[in-house]
């Protein structure tokens, strides 16, 4: 599965970039920010002329409405843009959840989603040592409710089955770098580990970055 681009952006920066590219060209300006907790993306959406509506399973902010995407769709297909930033890995029933997201979107609308990258170079070594990729071990299950491991090819099928067409697949958070703390007792071990990851990332773009993002169109 081909990676379109490796970026140094975090999920909020990356999503903001695509909001700026997509939203001005959409007639319907209604944006659903799913699983947002707070209103961190509201300012960017409003700046681009959009109407931001925040949703979460357990809202902790006055501007955010309750929505269990694993049980129902919303707003009769009125959203031209949906944000799902680090949400899909929390879904116990991702096919139901994504189907309801799709049904909440207008034809020609876009989904901007991000999720932890199980193909990340550090995650691969974590899997070699522990048997599971980083961000998806028992600790993450208990503390973060990471119940779905979002392998990119599986997420592509998830989108396709939900009548969403994948348009962009990019990795986020940047490439590995050589550490700069030569006074550490473990410095040479850390340099060796980082160098191995850098070589892997050079030949396999999917291994760059702790997270990845996808743009899909209905």
Protein backbone atom coordinates (compact mmCIF):
# COMPACT_ATOMS: atom_id res chain seq x y z
CA UNK A 1 0.00 0.00 0.00
CA UNK A 2 1.66 3.19 -1.22
CA UNK A 3 2.32 6.10 1.14
CA UNK A 4 1.69 9.42 -0.58
CA UNK A 5 3.88 11.51 1.73
CA UNK A 6 5.87 11.54 4.99
CA UNK A 7 5.27 14.71 7.01
CA UNK A 8 6.63 16.26 10.21
CA UNK A 9 3.18 17.57 11.19
CA UNK A 10 1.22 16.39 14.22
CA UNK A 11 -2.42 15.37 13.81
CA UNK A 12 -3.85 18.81 14.54
CA UNK A 13 -1.45 20.58 12.18
CA UNK A 14 -2.08 18.01 9.46
CA UNK A 15 -5.87 18.15 9.84
CA UNK A 16 -5.76 21.96 9.84
CA UNK A 17 -3.82 21.92 6.58
CA UNK A 18 -6.44 19.77 4.85
CA UNK A 19 -9.34 21.73 6.33
CA UNK A 20 -7.79 24.76 4.66
CA UNK A 21 -7.49 22.93 1.35
CA UNK A 22 -10.89 21.21 1.27
CA UNK A 23 -13.45 23.29 3.12
CA UNK A 24 -13.32 26.47 0.97
CA UNK A 25 -14.28 24.37 -2.08
CA UNK A 26 -17.31 22.72 -0.44
CA UNK A 27 -20.75 24.28 -0.78
CA UNK A 28 -21.98 22.82 2.49
CA UNK A 29 -19.79 24.17 5.31
CA UNK A 30 -21.02 21.92 8.14
CA UNK A 31 -18.13 20.11 9.87
CA UNK A 32 -18.43 17.27 12.40
CA UNK A 33 -15.47 16.92 14.78
CA UNK A 34 -16.00 13.38 16.12
CA UNK A 35 -14.37 12.26 19.36
CA UNK A 36 -12.98 15.73 19.91
CA UNK A 37 -13.41 16.08 23.71
CA UNK A 38 -12.86 19.85 23.41
CA UNK A 39 -12.97 22.52 20.71
CA UNK A 40 -9.32 22.65 19.65
CA UNK A 41 -10.26 22.51 15.93
CA UNK A 42 -13.17 24.95 16.14
CA UNK A 43 -11.06 28.04 15.44
CA UNK A 44 -9.53 26.59 12.27
CA UNK A 45 -12.91 25.45 10.95
CA UNK A 46 -14.48 28.84 11.66
CA UNK A 47 -11.54 30.64 10.06
CA UNK A 48 -12.20 28.76 6.82
CA UNK A 49 -15.88 29.69 6.91
CA UNK A 50 -17.11 26.38 8.29
CA UNK A 51 -19.75 25.56 10.88
CA UNK A 52 -18.01 23.43 13.54
CA UNK A 53 -20.04 20.87 15.50
CA UNK A 54 -18.18 18.87 18.14
CA UNK A 55 -19.18 15.35 19.21
CA UNK A 56 -17.90 12.86 21.75
CA UNK A 57 -19.07 9.67 23.44
CA UNK A 58 -18.46 11.31 26.81
CA UNK A 59 -18.42 15.12 26.32
CA UNK A 60 -16.33 17.08 28.81
CA UNK A 61 -16.77 20.50 27.18
CA UNK A 62 -19.85 22.67 26.95
CA UNK A 63 -19.53 23.06 23.18
CA UNK A 64 -19.42 19.31 22.54
CA UNK A 65 -22.52 17.16 21.97
CA UNK A 66 -22.94 13.49 22.83
CA UNK A 67 -22.78 10.98 19.97
CA UNK A 68 -22.17 7.24 20.11
CA UNK A 69 -21.11 6.60 16.53
CA UNK A 70 -21.33 2.83 17.10
CA UNK A 71 -25.08 3.11 17.58
CA UNK A 72 -26.42 5.83 15.28
CA UNK A 73 -25.76 8.21 12.43
CA UNK A 74 -26.37 11.94 12.75
CA UNK A 75 -27.92 14.94 11.03
CA UNK A 76 -29.37 13.13 8.01
CA UNK A 77 -26.21 13.21 5.93
CA UNK A 78 -25.58 16.93 6.29
CA UNK A 79 -21.86 17.00 7.08
CA UNK A 80 -19.58 17.87 4.19
CA UNK A 81 -16.46 17.33 6.30
CA UNK A 82 -15.87 14.94 9.20
CA UNK A 83 -12.82 14.93 11.45
CA UNK A 84 -11.84 11.73 13.27
CA UNK A 85 -8.52 12.49 14.93
CA UNK A 86 -7.22 9.44 16.77
CA UNK A 87 -10.69 7.93 17.16
CA UNK A 88 -10.90 4.72 15.12
CA UNK A 89 -8.50 2.81 17.40
CA UNK A 90 -11.01 3.27 20.25
CA UNK A 91 -13.91 1.64 18.41
CA UNK A 92 -15.07 -1.80 19.46
CA UNK A 93 -17.19 -2.02 16.31
CA UNK A 94 -15.30 0.04 13.70
CA UNK A 95 -17.40 -1.19 10.75
CA UNK A 96 -20.60 -0.04 12.45
CA UNK A 97 -19.00 3.22 13.54
CA UNK A 98 -17.61 4.06 10.10
CA UNK A 99 -20.90 3.13 8.41
CA UNK A 100 -22.69 5.62 10.67
CA UNK A 101 -20.06 8.25 9.92
CA UNK A 102 -20.54 7.70 6.19
CA UNK A 103 -24.31 7.96 6.50
CA UNK A 104 -23.85 11.29 8.28
CA UNK A 105 -21.90 12.75 5.36
CA UNK A 106 -23.21 14.48 2.27
CA UNK A 107 -22.30 13.13 -1.17
CA UNK A 108 -18.91 14.50 -2.20
CA UNK A 109 -17.99 15.13 1.43
CA UNK A 110 -14.62 14.31 2.96
CA UNK A 111 -13.34 12.43 5.97
CA UNK A 112 -10.07 13.53 7.61
CA UNK A 113 -8.82 10.86 9.99
CA UNK A 114 -5.65 10.08 11.93
CA UNK A 115 -4.59 7.13 14.06
CA UNK A 116 -1.45 5.64 15.66
CA UNK A 117 0.79 3.91 13.12
CA UNK A 118 1.41 0.20 13.92
CA UNK A 119 3.94 0.15 11.05
CA UNK A 120 6.11 2.84 12.67
CA UNK A 121 9.76 1.73 12.89
CA UNK A 122 9.84 1.96 16.69
CA UNK A 123 6.55 0.05 16.85
CA UNK A 124 8.02 -2.75 14.74
CA UNK A 125 10.88 -3.22 17.17
CA UNK A 126 8.38 -3.09 20.03
CA UNK A 127 6.48 -5.92 18.32
CA UNK A 128 9.72 -7.86 17.90
CA UNK A 129 10.51 -7.53 21.60
CA UNK A 130 7.00 -7.69 23.10
CA UNK A 131 4.93 -9.44 20.44
CA UNK A 132 2.60 -6.47 19.80
CA UNK A 133 3.10 -3.03 18.20
CA UNK A 134 3.51 0.00 20.45
CA UNK A 135 0.29 1.84 21.38
CA UNK A 136 -1.57 -1.48 21.29
CA UNK A 137 -0.26 -3.48 24.23
CA UNK A 138 -2.23 -4.35 27.37
CA UNK A 139 -1.37 -1.01 28.97
CA UNK A 140 -2.91 0.90 26.08
CA UNK A 141 -5.94 -1.35 26.17
CA UNK A 142 -6.44 -0.63 29.87
CA UNK A 143 -5.48 3.07 29.99
CA UNK A 144 -6.46 4.34 26.53
CA UNK A 145 -9.10 1.85 25.33
CA UNK A 146 -7.13 1.03 22.19
CA UNK A 147 -9.21 -1.97 21.12
CA UNK A 148 -8.73 -1.85 17.32
CA UNK A 149 -5.28 -2.05 15.73
CA UNK A 150 -5.53 0.15 12.60
CA UNK A 151 -3.30 -1.59 10.07
CA UNK A 152 -3.46 0.71 7.01
CA UNK A 153 -4.66 -1.96 4.59
CA UNK A 154 -7.43 -2.93 7.02
CA UNK A 155 -8.49 0.71 7.43
CA UNK A 156 -8.56 1.08 3.64
CA UNK A 157 -11.01 -1.84 3.48
CA UNK A 158 -13.00 -0.32 6.37
CA UNK A 159 -13.36 2.89 4.35
CA UNK A 160 -14.26 1.05 1.15
CA UNK A 161 -16.90 -1.05 2.91
CA UNK A 162 -18.38 2.21 4.25
CA UNK A 163 -18.61 3.66 0.72
CA UNK A 164 -15.68 6.01 1.27
CA UNK A 165 -12.90 6.25 -1.30
CA UNK A 166 -9.33 6.68 -0.03
CA UNK A 167 -7.65 9.73 -1.58
CA UNK A 168 -4.53 10.33 0.54
CA UNK A 169 -2.42 8.23 2.90
CA UNK A 170 0.34 10.13 4.73
CA UNK A 171 2.47 9.44 7.77
CA UNK A 172 2.76 12.07 10.53
CA UNK A 173 5.12 13.17 13.32
CA UNK A 174 8.35 12.98 11.33
CA UNK A 175 11.22 10.59 10.74
CA UNK A 176 13.53 9.14 13.36
CA UNK A 177 16.61 11.15 14.31
CA UNK A 178 19.94 10.39 15.98
CA UNK A 179 19.77 11.35 19.69
CA UNK A 180 21.85 14.31 20.93
CA UNK A 181 22.78 13.29 24.47
CA UNK A 182 26.34 11.88 24.28
CA UNK A 183 26.70 12.01 28.06
CA UNK A 184 24.14 9.27 28.59
CA UNK A 185 25.52 5.84 29.55
CA UNK A 186 23.18 4.30 26.97
CA UNK A 187 24.05 6.80 24.24
CA UNK A 188 25.75 4.39 21.83
CA UNK A 189 22.96 1.85 22.20
CA UNK A 190 20.40 4.58 21.48
CA UNK A 191 22.41 5.75 18.45
CA UNK A 192 22.54 2.21 17.08
CA UNK A 193 18.82 1.76 17.58
CA UNK A 194 18.02 5.12 15.95
CA UNK A 195 20.34 4.39 13.02
CA UNK A 196 18.61 1.07 12.39
CA UNK A 197 15.23 2.82 12.38
CA UNK A 198 16.50 5.54 10.05
CA UNK A 199 17.70 2.92 7.55
CA UNK A 200 14.35 1.10 7.73
CA UNK A 201 12.44 4.35 7.18
CA UNK A 202 14.60 5.19 4.18
CA UNK A 203 13.44 2.05 2.37
CA UNK A 204 9.89 1.77 3.72
CA UNK A 205 7.91 5.02 3.93
CA UNK A 206 5.12 3.38 5.92
CA UNK A 207 7.53 2.96 8.86
CA UNK A 208 8.03 6.74 9.23
CA UNK A 209 6.06 8.48 11.93
CA UNK A 210 4.22 7.51 15.10
CA UNK A 211 0.85 8.27 13.43
CA UNK A 212 -0.69 8.31 9.98
CA UNK A 213 -3.55 10.17 8.35
CA UNK A 214 -6.02 9.36 5.61
CA UNK A 215 -8.31 11.51 3.48
CA UNK A 216 -11.40 9.77 2.11
CA UNK A 217 -14.26 10.99 -0.05
CA UNK A 218 -17.87 9.87 -0.17
